[in-house]
């Protein structure tokens, strides 16, 4: 019996190591599995066997996806397959740096099959859709295939999530980037919201304006790029993106523009965006081109720049831009998963704050008065030079002293919290991007039961974070 239990524990440990390896190094796993299936000649069957295909197989993949279609038996081989990164691709670059951006552009050239620079005005054109009645049959209303109603439900649910979380009322102002046919924009305008849309496609601008003119609502379509203010000096109560943020290659420029586009109480909403809870085979980096078979085929045929972001990186870039971000899952549809962003509040309540999964692994579940670290843990900080002081409230419910080190950029402080002590630690803001909590986790034996909700070892209890001007 003892031998059986030991063998079982060994298998569990090996499975856990394999799971972590797959999560942290998906491209390494891809190369191993492709080597194991290299004797299969047909690239589509090889992709089905290994779950991966190479850049040399892109044309064959695009042929199945676009020409044979999803009903093709061969498409089943590609349904969950991903492209491997080329040998020259580097994973050690700074995701905010110019080298990282240039490498993504080079990857786009490889997938798109072109030897020129990416040009949004040329490469982000709409797919050919033929003659269309913009008023009666815009967007998903034009479909007549067997999946038309089911597909439309995803878009309707997502639009509802934007309306639900928008906080708008008649007379407020909203701005949508990458509006497409503008279904949500039209709904808001019919409810009395003054809406502007910005799209890089002249055709989509015309479709939106025809609908606005037909219904005689306060909706104006504008031709332009992400971050453009169609009414210079105007600030909006809501700026939102539906299935469009992931086409913004210059997201750093956009993040600089967003604070100037919204009112003090304004919101930024992202919905229907392909965000990954953590890096995996499709998005094996903080941000970059998504490597699913359908997406790769789309880039080859249409030349769109199809990006993906991990949720922890999305959390980081919005925090750096002066926003707090919260994710609202949507059980009926993945398209309805909504990210709600508002200007960073003076006080962050750790029990209520949203933490992306990759970061949340360092923390316990939120409680009424805060959140436990599970050892070393981090929180993103707003690095704005306008901030002068940062404070954090920590507590030690343990019956013994708790050593703790706090680190924020060049500042650090080591302290020991007495049993039952609560303390506020403050320091001068220094533009740091992260606050680190360093302490050894301990079991909560001997404490009252309500402190030990998930049975794991805990570090320090963090209650509030304040960033003051």
Protein backbone atom coordinates (compact mmCIF):
# COMPACT_ATOMS: atom_id res chain seq x y z
CA UNK A 1 0.00 0.00 0.00
CA UNK A 2 2.83 2.35 0.90
CA UNK A 3 4.59 1.56 -2.40
CA UNK A 4 1.39 2.25 -4.36
CA UNK A 5 0.91 5.62 -2.68
CA UNK A 6 4.54 6.56 -3.31
CA UNK A 7 4.20 5.64 -6.99
CA UNK A 8 1.00 7.66 -7.24
CA UNK A 9 2.68 10.70 -5.68
CA UNK A 10 5.57 10.35 -8.15
CA UNK A 11 3.15 10.27 -11.10
CA UNK A 12 1.33 13.31 -9.77
CA UNK A 13 4.61 15.23 -9.39
CA UNK A 14 5.70 14.29 -12.92
CA UNK A 15 2.34 15.32 -14.34
CA UNK A 16 2.56 18.66 -12.53
CA UNK A 17 6.10 19.27 -13.85
CA UNK A 18 4.92 18.48 -17.40
CA UNK A 19 1.95 20.82 -17.01
CA UNK A 20 4.20 23.67 -15.83
CA UNK A 21 6.69 22.99 -18.64
CA UNK A 22 3.87 23.15 -21.20
CA UNK A 23 2.62 26.45 -19.72
CA UNK A 24 5.98 28.15 -19.41
CA UNK A 25 7.67 26.85 -22.57
CA UNK A 26 4.93 26.05 -25.12
CA UNK A 27 7.26 26.58 -28.08
CA UNK A 28 9.80 24.10 -26.66
CA UNK A 29 7.05 21.53 -26.31
CA UNK A 30 5.95 22.29 -29.87
CA UNK A 31 9.37 21.51 -31.29
CA UNK A 32 9.53 18.22 -29.39
CA UNK A 33 6.10 17.09 -30.58
CA UNK A 34 6.85 18.10 -34.19
CA UNK A 35 10.07 16.07 -34.11
CA UNK A 36 8.07 13.09 -32.90
CA UNK A 37 5.68 13.37 -35.87
CA UNK A 38 8.17 14.40 -38.58
CA UNK A 39 7.71 11.11 -40.45
CA UNK A 40 4.16 12.23 -41.43
CA UNK A 41 4.45 13.80 -44.88
CA UNK A 42 1.16 15.66 -45.20
CA UNK A 43 1.51 18.97 -43.29
CA UNK A 44 -2.18 19.02 -42.33
CA UNK A 45 -2.11 15.51 -40.90
CA UNK A 46 1.18 16.32 -39.19
CA UNK A 47 -0.43 19.37 -37.58
CA UNK A 48 -3.26 17.16 -36.36
CA UNK A 49 -0.86 14.62 -34.87
CA UNK A 50 1.49 17.08 -33.19
CA UNK A 51 -0.77 20.10 -32.63
CA UNK A 52 1.74 22.31 -34.44
CA UNK A 53 2.80 23.39 -37.93
CA UNK A 54 5.72 25.44 -39.24
CA UNK A 55 5.92 28.60 -41.34
CA UNK A 56 6.54 26.42 -44.41
CA UNK A 57 3.04 24.97 -43.98
CA UNK A 58 1.12 28.27 -43.90
CA UNK A 59 -0.13 28.14 -47.50
CA UNK A 60 -1.44 24.60 -46.97
CA UNK A 61 -3.14 25.71 -43.74
CA UNK A 62 -4.70 28.77 -45.42
CA UNK A 63 -6.01 26.60 -48.26
CA UNK A 64 -7.86 24.34 -45.82
CA UNK A 65 -9.20 27.21 -43.69
CA UNK A 66 -10.34 29.47 -46.55
CA UNK A 67 -10.90 27.22 -49.58
CA UNK A 68 -12.05 23.93 -48.06
CA UNK A 69 -13.77 25.54 -45.08
CA UNK A 70 -14.64 24.47 -41.54
CA UNK A 71 -16.89 21.68 -42.80
CA UNK A 72 -13.90 19.94 -44.39
CA UNK A 73 -12.69 16.75 -42.63
CA UNK A 74 -9.15 18.10 -43.01
CA UNK A 75 -10.06 21.16 -40.96
CA UNK A 76 -10.43 18.92 -37.91
CA UNK A 77 -6.65 18.40 -38.03
CA UNK A 78 -6.13 22.17 -37.76
CA UNK A 79 -8.81 23.07 -35.27
CA UNK A 80 -6.41 23.14 -32.30
CA UNK A 81 -3.08 23.49 -34.10
CA UNK A 82 -0.60 26.36 -33.67
CA UNK A 83 2.37 27.64 -35.62
CA UNK A 84 5.85 27.23 -34.18
CA UNK A 85 8.04 30.29 -33.90
CA UNK A 86 10.99 30.49 -36.32
CA UNK A 87 14.50 29.68 -35.09
CA UNK A 88 15.54 33.37 -35.18
CA UNK A 89 12.78 34.43 -32.76
CA UNK A 90 14.03 35.70 -29.37
CA UNK A 91 12.00 35.33 -26.18
CA UNK A 92 14.27 37.50 -23.99
CA UNK A 93 13.40 40.94 -25.38
CA UNK A 94 11.76 43.75 -23.39
CA UNK A 95 8.05 43.76 -24.39
CA UNK A 96 8.09 47.58 -24.19
CA UNK A 97 11.24 47.96 -26.30
CA UNK A 98 11.71 48.75 -30.01
CA UNK A 99 13.49 45.43 -30.68
CA UNK A 100 10.44 43.51 -29.51
CA UNK A 101 8.17 45.54 -31.80
CA UNK A 102 10.48 45.06 -34.80
CA UNK A 103 10.59 41.33 -34.18
CA UNK A 104 6.79 41.17 -34.22
CA UNK A 105 6.77 43.08 -37.50
CA UNK A 106 9.27 40.59 -38.93
CA UNK A 107 7.06 37.72 -37.75
CA UNK A 108 4.08 39.38 -39.48
CA UNK A 109 6.08 39.60 -42.73
CA UNK A 110 6.87 35.90 -42.49
CA UNK A 111 3.27 34.88 -41.87
CA UNK A 112 1.76 37.35 -44.36
CA UNK A 113 4.29 36.26 -47.00
CA UNK A 114 5.42 39.80 -47.86
CA UNK A 115 8.76 41.58 -47.84
CA UNK A 116 7.59 45.07 -47.01
CA UNK A 117 6.68 47.01 -43.89
CA UNK A 118 3.26 46.69 -42.33
CA UNK A 119 0.98 49.57 -43.37
CA UNK A 120 -2.29 49.80 -41.40
CA UNK A 121 -4.09 51.86 -44.06
CA UNK A 122 -3.32 49.16 -46.60
CA UNK A 123 -3.28 45.97 -44.55
CA UNK A 124 -6.26 46.51 -42.23
CA UNK A 125 -8.85 46.82 -44.98
CA UNK A 126 -12.14 45.02 -44.52
CA UNK A 127 -12.63 41.57 -46.07
CA UNK A 128 -14.65 41.67 -49.33
CA UNK A 129 -18.36 41.46 -48.48
CA UNK A 130 -20.03 42.41 -51.78
CA UNK A 131 -23.31 44.34 -52.01
CA UNK A 132 -24.83 45.04 -48.63
CA UNK A 133 -27.91 46.76 -47.25
CA UNK A 134 -26.35 48.69 -44.35
CA UNK A 135 -29.68 49.39 -42.70
CA UNK A 136 -31.56 46.10 -42.98
CA UNK A 137 -28.72 43.56 -42.97
CA UNK A 138 -25.55 44.99 -41.41
CA UNK A 139 -22.86 42.66 -40.09
CA UNK A 140 -24.08 39.35 -38.73
CA UNK A 141 -27.62 40.03 -39.99
CA UNK A 142 -26.44 39.22 -43.52
CA UNK A 143 -25.65 35.59 -42.66
CA UNK A 144 -27.97 32.77 -43.70
CA UNK A 145 -25.90 29.69 -42.85
CA UNK A 146 -26.79 27.12 -40.17
CA UNK A 147 -24.66 28.87 -37.54
CA UNK A 148 -26.01 32.37 -38.21
CA UNK A 149 -28.28 32.67 -35.17
CA UNK A 150 -25.79 31.07 -32.79
CA UNK A 151 -23.01 33.35 -34.02
CA UNK A 152 -25.22 36.43 -33.75
CA UNK A 153 -25.98 35.56 -30.12
CA UNK A 154 -22.30 36.02 -29.20
CA UNK A 155 -22.28 39.53 -30.66
CA UNK A 156 -25.58 40.49 -29.04
CA UNK A 157 -24.41 39.24 -25.63
CA UNK A 158 -21.11 41.13 -25.97
CA UNK A 159 -22.91 44.32 -26.97
CA UNK A 160 -25.14 43.91 -23.94
CA UNK A 161 -22.10 43.58 -21.67
CA UNK A 162 -20.72 46.87 -22.99
CA UNK A 163 -24.05 48.62 -22.39
CA UNK A 164 -24.42 47.04 -18.94
CA UNK A 165 -21.01 48.19 -17.69
CA UNK A 166 -20.84 51.52 -19.55
CA UNK A 167 -22.52 53.58 -16.82
CA UNK A 168 -23.89 55.84 -19.57
CA UNK A 169 -27.10 57.84 -19.61
CA UNK A 170 -28.79 59.86 -22.39
CA UNK A 171 -26.74 62.94 -23.24
CA UNK A 172 -23.39 61.35 -22.35
CA UNK A 173 -20.64 60.98 -24.95
CA UNK A 174 -19.06 57.72 -26.17
CA UNK A 175 -16.26 56.94 -28.61
CA UNK A 176 -15.74 53.57 -30.30
CA UNK A 177 -12.53 52.56 -32.07
CA UNK A 178 -12.69 49.99 -34.85
CA UNK A 179 -16.48 50.09 -34.94
CA UNK A 180 -17.02 47.88 -37.99
CA UNK A 181 -20.77 47.94 -38.62
CA UNK A 182 -21.29 49.80 -35.33
CA UNK A 183 -24.03 47.64 -33.77
CA UNK A 184 -23.25 48.80 -30.22
CA UNK A 185 -22.70 52.40 -31.33
CA UNK A 186 -26.13 52.45 -32.98
CA UNK A 187 -27.79 50.98 -29.87
CA UNK A 188 -26.21 53.66 -27.68
CA UNK A 189 -27.19 56.43 -30.09
CA UNK A 190 -30.79 55.19 -30.20
CA UNK A 191 -30.75 55.44 -26.40
CA UNK A 192 -29.76 59.12 -26.56
CA UNK A 193 -26.00 58.81 -26.12
CA UNK A 194 -23.90 61.01 -28.42
CA UNK A 195 -21.58 58.59 -30.18
CA UNK A 196 -18.51 59.01 -32.39
CA UNK A 197 -16.87 56.07 -34.14
CA UNK A 198 -13.37 55.90 -35.60
CA UNK A 199 -12.44 53.27 -38.16
CA UNK A 200 -9.59 52.82 -40.60
CA UNK A 201 -12.03 51.52 -43.23
CA UNK A 202 -13.90 54.03 -45.37
CA UNK A 203 -16.44 51.31 -46.22
CA UNK A 204 -17.27 50.66 -42.58
CA UNK A 205 -17.55 54.39 -41.91
CA UNK A 206 -20.10 54.60 -44.71
CA UNK A 207 -22.08 51.64 -43.32
CA UNK A 208 -22.23 53.24 -39.86
CA UNK A 209 -23.22 56.65 -41.22
CA UNK A 210 -26.02 55.22 -43.38
CA UNK A 211 -27.54 53.61 -40.28
CA UNK A 212 -27.18 56.82 -38.26
CA UNK A 213 -28.81 58.86 -41.01
CA UNK A 214 -31.65 56.36 -41.41
CA UNK A 215 -32.50 56.35 -37.69
CA UNK A 216 -31.69 60.06 -37.28
CA UNK A 217 -29.63 59.50 -34.16
CA UNK A 218 -26.58 61.35 -32.72
CA UNK A 219 -23.98 59.02 -34.26
CA UNK A 220 -21.10 60.28 -36.40
CA UNK A 221 -18.57 58.04 -38.18
CA UNK A 222 -14.99 59.26 -38.63
CA UNK A 223 -12.15 57.87 -40.72
CA UNK A 224 -8.97 57.57 -38.67
CA UNK A 225 -6.57 55.55 -36.54
CA UNK A 226 -6.53 54.30 -32.95
CA UNK A 227 -5.98 57.16 -30.50
CA UNK A 228 -7.29 59.87 -32.85
CA UNK A 229 -9.70 62.32 -31.24
CA UNK A 230 -12.37 63.04 -33.87
CA UNK A 231 -13.31 66.20 -31.99
CA UNK A 232 -10.06 67.76 -30.75
CA UNK A 233 -10.36 68.78 -27.13
CA UNK A 234 -13.50 66.71 -26.58
CA UNK A 235 -13.49 64.24 -23.67
CA UNK A 236 -15.73 61.19 -23.55
CA UNK A 237 -17.60 59.43 -20.77
CA UNK A 238 -16.77 56.10 -22.43
CA UNK A 239 -14.13 54.93 -24.88
CA UNK A 240 -14.62 51.33 -25.93
CA UNK A 241 -13.22 48.62 -28.19
CA UNK A 242 -15.13 45.60 -29.46
CA UNK A 243 -13.01 43.06 -31.36
CA UNK A 244 -10.64 45.89 -32.32
CA UNK A 245 -8.00 46.53 -29.63
CA UNK A 246 -6.08 43.45 -30.80
CA UNK A 247 -5.51 45.13 -34.19
CA UNK A 248 -3.64 48.05 -32.60
CA UNK A 249 0.07 47.49 -33.15
CA UNK A 250 0.92 50.91 -31.69
CA UNK A 251 -0.79 50.08 -28.40
CA UNK A 252 1.84 52.08 -26.50
CA UNK A 253 0.85 55.24 -28.36
CA UNK A 254 -2.81 54.42 -27.72
CA UNK A 255 -2.21 53.98 -23.99
CA UNK A 256 -0.67 57.46 -23.87
CA UNK A 257 -3.69 58.94 -25.65
CA UNK A 258 -6.46 57.28 -23.61
CA UNK A 259 -6.12 59.40 -20.43
CA UNK A 260 -6.62 62.55 -22.53
CA UNK A 261 -9.73 61.12 -24.20
CA UNK A 262 -11.90 60.39 -21.17
CA UNK A 263 -13.46 62.54 -18.49
CA UNK A 264 -12.30 62.28 -14.87
CA UNK A 265 -15.03 59.71 -14.21
CA UNK A 266 -14.84 58.20 -17.68
CA UNK A 267 -14.36 54.52 -18.49
CA UNK A 268 -12.45 52.47 -21.04
CA UNK A 269 -14.01 49.12 -21.98
CA UNK A 270 -12.51 46.23 -23.94
CA UNK A 271 -14.82 43.43 -25.03
CA UNK A 272 -14.62 40.52 -27.47
CA UNK A 273 -10.82 40.70 -27.35
CA UNK A 274 -8.59 37.58 -27.59
CA UNK A 275 -6.85 37.91 -24.23
CA UNK A 276 -5.08 34.86 -22.80
CA UNK A 277 -5.32 34.11 -19.08
CA UNK A 278 -1.63 33.18 -19.28
CA UNK A 279 0.90 32.56 -22.05
CA UNK A 280 0.37 29.37 -24.07
CA UNK A 281 0.97 28.01 -27.58
CA UNK A 282 -1.19 30.68 -29.27
CA UNK A 283 0.33 33.59 -27.34
CA UNK A 284 3.73 32.38 -26.09
CA UNK A 285 4.82 35.90 -25.05
CA UNK A 286 3.39 38.91 -23.17
CA UNK A 287 1.92 40.24 -26.41
CA UNK A 288 2.25 39.48 -30.09
CA UNK A 289 0.78 37.74 -33.11
CA UNK A 290 -1.63 34.93 -32.23
CA UNK A 291 -0.45 31.64 -33.66
CA UNK A 292 -3.72 29.67 -33.99
CA UNK A 293 -4.23 28.06 -37.39
CA UNK A 294 -7.28 30.21 -38.28
CA UNK A 295 -5.47 33.42 -37.31
CA UNK A 296 -2.30 32.52 -39.21
CA UNK A 297 -4.39 31.71 -42.28
CA UNK A 298 -6.18 35.07 -41.96
CA UNK A 299 -2.89 36.96 -41.79
CA UNK A 300 -1.63 35.12 -44.88
CA UNK A 301 -4.76 35.88 -46.92
CA UNK A 302 -5.87 39.29 -45.58
CA UNK A 303 -2.63 40.68 -44.05
CA UNK A 304 -4.34 41.85 -40.86
CA UNK A 305 -2.14 42.26 -37.78
CA UNK A 306 -3.85 39.89 -35.33
CA UNK A 307 -2.48 40.37 -31.82
CA UNK A 308 -3.01 38.62 -28.52
CA UNK A 309 -2.17 39.80 -24.99
CA UNK A 310 -1.83 37.89 -21.75
CA UNK A 311 -4.09 39.18 -19.01
CA UNK A 312 -1.19 39.92 -16.68
CA UNK A 313 0.44 42.10 -19.35
CA UNK A 314 -2.88 43.84 -20.05
CA UNK A 315 -3.18 44.51 -16.31
CA UNK A 316 0.35 45.92 -16.32
CA UNK A 317 0.02 48.24 -19.32
CA UNK A 318 -3.25 49.75 -18.10
CA UNK A 319 -1.84 50.25 -14.60
CA UNK A 320 1.20 51.99 -16.07
CA UNK A 321 -1.16 54.25 -18.04
CA UNK A 322 -2.92 55.36 -14.84
CA UNK A 323 -5.90 52.98 -14.89
CA UNK A 324 -7.20 50.29 -12.61
CA UNK A 325 -8.61 47.33 -14.56
CA UNK A 326 -11.21 44.75 -13.64
CA UNK A 327 -12.30 41.69 -15.60
CA UNK A 328 -15.98 40.74 -15.81
CA UNK A 329 -16.35 37.13 -17.05
CA UNK A 330 -19.37 36.25 -19.16
CA UNK A 331 -20.54 32.67 -18.75
CA UNK A 332 -22.87 32.52 -21.78
CA UNK A 333 -20.21 33.68 -24.27
CA UNK A 334 -16.45 34.24 -24.37
CA UNK A 335 -17.15 37.25 -26.62
CA UNK A 336 -18.81 38.92 -23.63
CA UNK A 337 -15.69 38.80 -21.42
CA UNK A 338 -15.29 42.47 -20.53
CA UNK A 339 -12.37 44.50 -19.18
CA UNK A 340 -13.48 47.66 -17.40
CA UNK A 341 -10.83 50.35 -16.88
CA UNK A 342 -11.08 53.57 -14.88
CA UNK A 343 -8.61 56.13 -13.66
CA UNK A 344 -6.58 54.75 -10.76
CA UNK A 345 -8.46 55.34 -7.53
CA UNK A 346 -6.58 56.91 -4.58
CA UNK A 347 -7.13 53.68 -2.64
CA UNK A 348 -7.01 50.08 -3.88
CA UNK A 349 -8.90 47.58 -1.74
CA UNK A 350 -7.00 44.29 -2.08
CA UNK A 351 -10.01 42.19 -1.20
CA UNK A 352 -11.95 43.57 -4.18
CA UNK A 353 -9.13 44.13 -6.69
CA UNK A 354 -8.97 41.97 -9.82
CA UNK A 355 -5.68 40.14 -10.31
CA UNK A 356 -5.00 38.22 -13.54
CA UNK A 357 -4.44 34.47 -13.06
CA UNK A 358 -0.66 34.50 -13.59
CA UNK A 359 -0.34 37.17 -10.88
CA UNK A 360 -3.18 35.84 -8.77
CA UNK A 361 -1.23 32.62 -8.15
CA UNK A 362 0.88 34.66 -5.73
CA UNK A 363 -2.18 35.63 -3.69
CA UNK A 364 -5.07 33.99 -1.86
CA UNK A 365 -8.66 34.64 -2.82
CA UNK A 366 -9.92 38.08 -1.84
CA UNK A 367 -11.52 38.39 1.59
CA UNK A 368 -13.72 41.04 3.16
CA UNK A 369 -10.81 43.09 4.49
CA UNK A 370 -7.93 42.24 2.15
CA UNK A 371 -5.87 39.42 0.66
CA UNK A 372 -3.03 37.12 1.78
CA UNK A 373 0.24 36.71 -0.06
CA UNK A 374 1.23 33.09 -0.58
CA UNK A 375 4.91 33.94 -0.21
CA UNK A 376 6.63 36.43 -2.50
CA UNK A 377 4.01 38.46 -4.38
CA UNK A 378 3.68 41.58 -6.54
CA UNK A 379 1.28 44.40 -7.35
CA UNK A 380 1.55 46.78 -10.32
CA UNK A 381 2.01 50.47 -9.50
CA UNK A 382 1.08 53.61 -11.38
CA UNK A 383 4.50 55.19 -12.23
CA UNK A 384 3.04 58.63 -12.96
CA UNK A 385 5.42 61.45 -11.96
CA UNK A 386 2.39 63.28 -10.50
CA UNK A 387 2.25 60.78 -7.63
CA UNK A 388 4.20 61.81 -4.54
CA UNK A 389 3.54 59.16 -1.91
CA UNK A 390 2.63 55.47 -1.72
CA UNK A 391 1.21 53.69 1.33
CA UNK A 392 0.35 50.07 1.98
CA UNK A 393 -1.55 48.61 4.95
CA UNK A 394 -0.24 45.21 6.08
CA UNK A 395 -1.15 42.95 9.00
CA UNK A 396 0.26 39.93 10.83
CA UNK A 397 -2.51 37.77 12.34
CA UNK A 398 0.08 35.13 13.26
CA UNK A 399 0.82 34.44 16.96
CA UNK A 400 4.54 34.95 16.22
CA UNK A 401 6.62 37.77 14.64
CA UNK A 402 6.52 38.02 10.82
CA UNK A 403 9.59 39.28 8.89
CA UNK A 404 8.65 41.21 5.72
CA UNK A 405 10.57 43.08 3.03
CA UNK A 406 8.87 45.58 0.69
CA UNK A 407 10.54 46.61 -2.59
CA UNK A 408 9.43 49.29 -5.06
CA UNK A 409 12.09 50.16 -7.62
CA UNK A 410 15.15 51.55 -5.84
CA UNK A 411 13.28 51.76 -2.50
CA UNK A 412 13.10 48.85 -0.06
CA UNK A 413 12.32 48.41 3.62
CA UNK A 414 12.67 45.37 5.87
CA UNK A 415 10.53 45.15 8.98
CA UNK A 416 9.16 42.66 11.45
CA UNK A 417 5.46 42.73 12.29
CA UNK A 418 4.63 41.78 15.86
CA UNK A 419 1.90 39.18 16.51
CA UNK A 420 -1.47 40.71 15.66
CA UNK A 421 0.11 43.98 14.46
CA UNK A 422 -1.34 46.16 11.71
CA UNK A 423 0.95 48.73 10.16
CA UNK A 424 0.93 51.34 7.38
CA UNK A 425 4.23 51.55 5.50
CA UNK A 426 4.81 54.70 3.42
CA UNK A 427 7.49 55.89 1.00
CA UNK A 428 8.06 58.59 -1.60
CA UNK A 429 6.79 57.56 -5.05
CA UNK A 430 9.75 56.91 -7.36
CA UNK A 431 8.16 55.87 -10.65
CA UNK A 432 8.44 52.16 -9.80
CA UNK A 433 6.26 49.81 -11.83
CA UNK A 434 5.90 47.07 -9.20
CA UNK A 435 5.58 46.69 -5.45
CA UNK A 436 7.05 43.41 -4.20
CA UNK A 437 6.18 41.64 -0.93
CA UNK A 438 8.87 39.24 0.24
CA UNK A 439 8.14 36.92 3.15
CA UNK A 440 8.14 33.22 3.91
CA UNK A 441 4.67 31.61 4.00
CA UNK A 442 3.55 29.80 7.16
CA UNK A 443 0.61 27.58 8.07
CA UNK A 444 -2.14 29.21 10.04
CA UNK A 445 -2.48 26.50 12.68
CA UNK A 446 -3.74 27.82 15.97
CA UNK A 447 -5.55 30.81 14.48
CA UNK A 448 -9.29 31.18 14.32
CA UNK A 449 -10.81 29.12 11.54
CA UNK A 450 -12.13 32.03 9.47
CA UNK A 451 -8.56 33.15 8.69
CA UNK A 452 -7.76 29.82 7.02
CA UNK A 453 -10.23 29.60 4.16
CA UNK A 454 -8.25 27.60 1.61
CA UNK A 455 -5.92 25.59 3.83
CA UNK A 456 -2.62 26.77 2.32
CA UNK A 457 0.41 28.43 3.84
CA UNK A 458 0.18 32.21 3.96
CA UNK A 459 2.57 35.17 4.07
CA UNK A 460 1.44 38.67 5.04
CA UNK A 461 -2.12 40.02 4.98
CA UNK A 462 -2.42 43.11 2.73
CA UNK A 463 -5.42 45.40 3.23
CA UNK A 464 -5.07 48.61 1.18
CA UNK A 465 -2.73 50.29 -1.28
CA UNK A 466 -2.86 54.09 -1.61
CA UNK A 467 -1.10 56.20 -4.23
CA UNK A 468 -1.33 59.89 -3.40
CA UNK A 469 -0.73 63.01 -5.48
